[in-house]
Amino acid sequence: MRFLVDECTGPAVARWLREQKHEVFSVYDEARGMDDDDVIAKAYGEDWILITNDKDFGEKVHRERRPHKGVILLRLEDEWAMNKIAALRRLLAAYAEQLANQFVVVTERQVRFSRE
């Protein structure tokens, strides 16, 4: 799969996804300081599923109606990198085939596919 990992989500998540043989663009590693509007436009234009823990992307998708190829919003109580990776591991194991073009909210306890 193709994932664009937002800067706030961090380089450890990007590294782990690469180790899992996914194609990854890491904002932290490759375009630090990139504006949120540019992030979502790049993800859409280049067919990436965006992984972020920035809830502003929920507003961009739902209120501003910004197009996307998929957004995974990590809403975790513990923002430690290993917790993000554990949440993504669970998400990919159960829902990998359902992520394209979806807005998905992931917590430690649940996965919610949001209506647009």
C-alpha atoms as a PDB file:
ATOM      1  CA  MET A   1       0.000   0.000   0.000  1.00  0.00           C
ATOM      2  CA  ARG A   2       0.978   3.651  -0.392  1.00  0.00           C
ATOM      3  CA  PHE A   3       1.042   5.808   2.737  1.00  0.00           C
ATOM      4  CA  LEU A   4       1.865   9.455   3.269  1.00  0.00           C
ATOM      5  CA  VAL A   5       2.889   9.795   6.914  1.00  0.00           C
ATOM      6  CA  ASP A   6       2.233  13.267   8.313  1.00  0.00           C
ATOM      7  CA  GLU A   7       5.069  15.069  10.072  1.00  0.00           C
ATOM      8  CA  CYS A   8       3.386  14.889  13.495  1.00  0.00           C
ATOM      9  CA  THR A   9       2.982  11.129  13.176  1.00  0.00           C
ATOM     10  CA  GLY A  10       6.735  10.813  12.987  1.00  0.00           C
ATOM     11  CA  PRO A  11       9.616   8.987  11.352  1.00  0.00           C
ATOM     12  CA  ALA A  12       9.347   5.785  13.426  1.00  0.00           C
ATOM     13  CA  VAL A  13       5.916   5.056  11.928  1.00  0.00           C
ATOM     14  CA  ALA A  14       7.272   5.679   8.418  1.00  0.00           C
ATOM     15  CA  ARG A  15      10.232   3.353   9.051  1.00  0.00           C
ATOM     16  CA  TRP A  16       7.964   0.606  10.387  1.00  0.00           C
ATOM     17  CA  LEU A  17       5.649   0.853   7.368  1.00  0.00           C
ATOM     18  CA  ARG A  18       8.651   0.597   5.034  1.00  0.00           C
ATOM     19  CA  GLU A  19       9.815  -2.487   6.937  1.00  0.00           C
ATOM     20  CA  GLN A  20       6.358  -3.962   6.232  1.00  0.00           C
ATOM     21  CA  LYS A  21       7.065  -3.405   2.500  1.00  0.00           C
ATOM     22  CA  HIS A  22       4.694  -0.463   2.025  1.00  0.00           C
ATOM     23  CA  GLU A  23       5.555   2.512  -0.147  1.00  0.00           C
ATOM     24  CA  VAL A  24       5.912   5.540   2.125  1.00  0.00           C
ATOM     25  CA  PHE A  25       6.330   9.287   1.808  1.00  0.00           C
ATOM     26  CA  SER A  26       7.339  10.743   5.176  1.00  0.00           C
ATOM     27  CA  VAL A  27       6.660  14.453   5.582  1.00  0.00           C
ATOM     28  CA  TYR A  28       9.026  14.468   8.578  1.00  0.00           C
ATOM     29  CA  ASP A  29      11.896  13.012   6.528  1.00  0.00           C
ATOM     30  CA  GLU A  30      11.212  14.457   3.089  1.00  0.00           C
ATOM     31  CA  ALA A  31       9.258  17.729   3.401  1.00  0.00           C
ATOM     32  CA  ARG A  32       9.409  18.963   6.980  1.00  0.00           C
ATOM     33  CA  GLY A  33       7.242  22.027   7.611  1.00  0.00           C
ATOM     34  CA  MET A  34       4.825  21.213   4.790  1.00  0.00           C
ATOM     35  CA  ASP A  35       1.467  22.999   5.168  1.00  0.00           C
ATOM     36  CA  ASP A  36      -1.611  20.837   5.903  1.00  0.00           C
ATOM     37  CA  ASP A  37      -3.318  21.988   2.697  1.00  0.00           C
ATOM     38  CA  ASP A  38      -0.268  20.878   0.717  1.00  0.00           C
ATOM     39  CA  VAL A  39      -0.156  17.566   2.595  1.00  0.00           C
ATOM     40  CA  ILE A  40      -3.745  16.643   1.751  1.00  0.00           C
ATOM     41  CA  ALA A  41      -3.353  17.868  -1.838  1.00  0.00           C
ATOM     42  CA  LYS A  42      -0.190  15.778  -2.308  1.00  0.00           C
ATOM     43  CA  ALA A  43      -1.833  12.705  -0.786  1.00  0.00           C
ATOM     44  CA  TYR A  44      -4.823  13.048  -3.100  1.00  0.00           C
ATOM     45  CA  GLY A  45      -2.884  13.991  -6.224  1.00  0.00           C
ATOM     46  CA  GLU A  46      -0.352  11.196  -5.853  1.00  0.00           C
ATOM     47  CA  ASP A  47      -2.749   8.499  -4.574  1.00  0.00           C
ATOM     48  CA  TRP A  48      -1.427   8.158  -1.011  1.00  0.00           C
ATOM     49  CA  ILE A  49      -3.435   7.161   2.065  1.00  0.00           C
ATOM     50  CA  LEU A  50      -2.678   9.846   4.648  1.00  0.00           C
ATOM     51  CA  ILE A  51      -1.750   8.770   8.183  1.00  0.00           C
ATOM     52  CA  THR A  52      -1.929  11.554  10.748  1.00  0.00           C
ATOM     53  CA  ASN A  53      -2.696  12.320  14.352  1.00  0.00           C
ATOM     54  CA  ASP A  54      -3.682  15.905  13.497  1.00  0.00           C
ATOM     55  CA  LYS A  55      -7.450  16.253  13.917  1.00  0.00           C
ATOM     56  CA  ASP A  56      -7.429  19.316  11.615  1.00  0.00           C
ATOM     57  CA  PHE A  57      -7.602  16.843   8.732  1.00  0.00           C
ATOM     58  CA  GLY A  58     -11.047  15.801   9.938  1.00  0.00           C
ATOM     59  CA  GLU A  59     -12.206  19.362   9.396  1.00  0.00           C
ATOM     60  CA  LYS A  60     -10.521  19.523   5.992  1.00  0.00           C
ATOM     61  CA  VAL A  61     -12.307  16.370   4.838  1.00  0.00           C
ATOM     62  CA  HIS A  62     -15.698  16.818   6.486  1.00  0.00           C
ATOM     63  CA  ARG A  63     -16.228  20.584   6.555  1.00  0.00           C
ATOM     64  CA  GLU A  64     -14.087  21.780   3.672  1.00  0.00           C
ATOM     65  CA  ARG A  65     -14.949  18.685   1.583  1.00  0.00           C
ATOM     66  CA  ARG A  66     -11.317  18.236   0.522  1.00  0.00           C
ATOM     67  CA  PRO A  67     -10.878  15.199  -1.719  1.00  0.00           C
ATOM     68  CA  HIS A  68      -8.668  12.379  -0.470  1.00  0.00           C
ATOM     69  CA  LYS A  69      -7.607   8.823  -1.273  1.00  0.00           C
ATOM     70  CA  GLY A  70      -7.955   7.760   2.340  1.00  0.00           C
ATOM     71  CA  VAL A  71      -7.176   9.267   5.749  1.00  0.00           C
ATOM     72  CA  ILE A  72      -6.215   7.358   8.878  1.00  0.00           C
ATOM     73  CA  LEU A  73      -6.569   9.611  11.922  1.00  0.00           C
ATOM     74  CA  LEU A  74      -4.808   8.245  14.989  1.00  0.00           C
ATOM     75  CA  ARG A  75      -6.616   9.523  18.105  1.00  0.00           C
ATOM     76  CA  LEU A  76      -4.504   7.839  20.744  1.00  0.00           C
ATOM     77  CA  GLU A  77      -4.246   8.640  24.439  1.00  0.00           C
ATOM     78  CA  ASP A  78      -0.579   7.634  24.341  1.00  0.00           C
ATOM     79  CA  GLU A  79       1.192   9.305  21.394  1.00  0.00           C
ATOM     80  CA  TRP A  80       4.374   7.263  21.848  1.00  0.00           C
ATOM     81  CA  ALA A  81       5.635   5.898  18.514  1.00  0.00           C
ATOM     82  CA  MET A  82       5.301   2.254  19.542  1.00  0.00           C
ATOM     83  CA  ASN A  83       1.637   2.827  20.442  1.00  0.00           C
ATOM     84  CA  LYS A  84       1.014   4.372  16.997  1.00  0.00           C
ATOM     85  CA  ILE A  85       2.685   1.374  15.370  1.00  0.00           C
ATOM     86  CA  ALA A  86       0.652  -1.083  17.466  1.00  0.00           C
ATOM     87  CA  ALA A  87      -2.583   0.675  16.453  1.00  0.00           C
ATOM     88  CA  LEU A  88      -1.586   0.596  12.782  1.00  0.00           C
ATOM     89  CA  ARG A  89      -0.598  -3.068  13.029  1.00  0.00           C
ATOM     90  CA  ARG A  90      -4.085  -3.914  14.346  1.00  0.00           C
ATOM     91  CA  LEU A  91      -5.755  -1.715  11.717  1.00  0.00           C
ATOM     92  CA  LEU A  92      -3.854  -3.225   8.790  1.00  0.00           C
ATOM     93  CA  ALA A  93      -4.383  -6.788  10.013  1.00  0.00           C
ATOM     94  CA  ALA A  94      -8.146  -6.329  10.160  1.00  0.00           C
ATOM     95  CA  TYR A  95      -9.011  -3.669   7.578  1.00  0.00           C
ATOM     96  CA  ALA A  96      -6.223  -3.249   4.985  1.00  0.00           C
ATOM     97  CA  GLU A  97      -8.531  -3.905   2.038  1.00  0.00           C
ATOM     98  CA  GLN A  98     -11.083  -1.323   3.245  1.00  0.00           C
ATOM     99  CA  LEU A  99      -8.849   1.734   3.751  1.00  0.00           C
ATOM    100  CA  ALA A 100      -8.769   3.268   0.270  1.00  0.00           C
ATOM    101  CA  ASN A 101     -10.974   6.350  -0.048  1.00  0.00           C
ATOM    102  CA  GLN A 102     -12.148   6.082   3.579  1.00  0.00           C
ATOM    103  CA  PHE A 103     -11.774   8.388   6.579  1.00  0.00           C
ATOM    104  CA  VAL A 104     -10.852   6.116   9.479  1.00  0.00           C
ATOM    105  CA  VAL A 105     -10.465   7.094  13.127  1.00  0.00           C
ATOM    106  CA  VAL A 106      -8.307   4.734  15.176  1.00  0.00           C
ATOM    107  CA  THR A 107      -8.094   4.692  18.970  1.00  0.00           C
ATOM    108  CA  GLU A 108      -6.569   2.158  21.336  1.00  0.00           C
ATOM    109  CA  ARG A 109      -9.977   0.488  21.642  1.00  0.00           C
ATOM    110  CA  GLN A 110     -11.755   0.910  18.321  1.00  0.00           C
ATOM    111  CA  VAL A 111     -11.683   1.596  14.605  1.00  0.00           C
ATOM    112  CA  ARG A 112     -14.410   3.808  13.207  1.00  0.00           C
ATOM    113  CA  PHE A 113     -15.062   4.392   9.525  1.00  0.00           C
ATOM    114  CA  SER A 114     -16.503   7.890   9.329  1.00  0.00           C
ATOM    115  CA  ARG A 115     -19.235   8.930   6.942  1.00  0.00           C
ATOM    116  CA  GLU A 116     -18.548  11.855   4.670  1.00  0.00           C
END
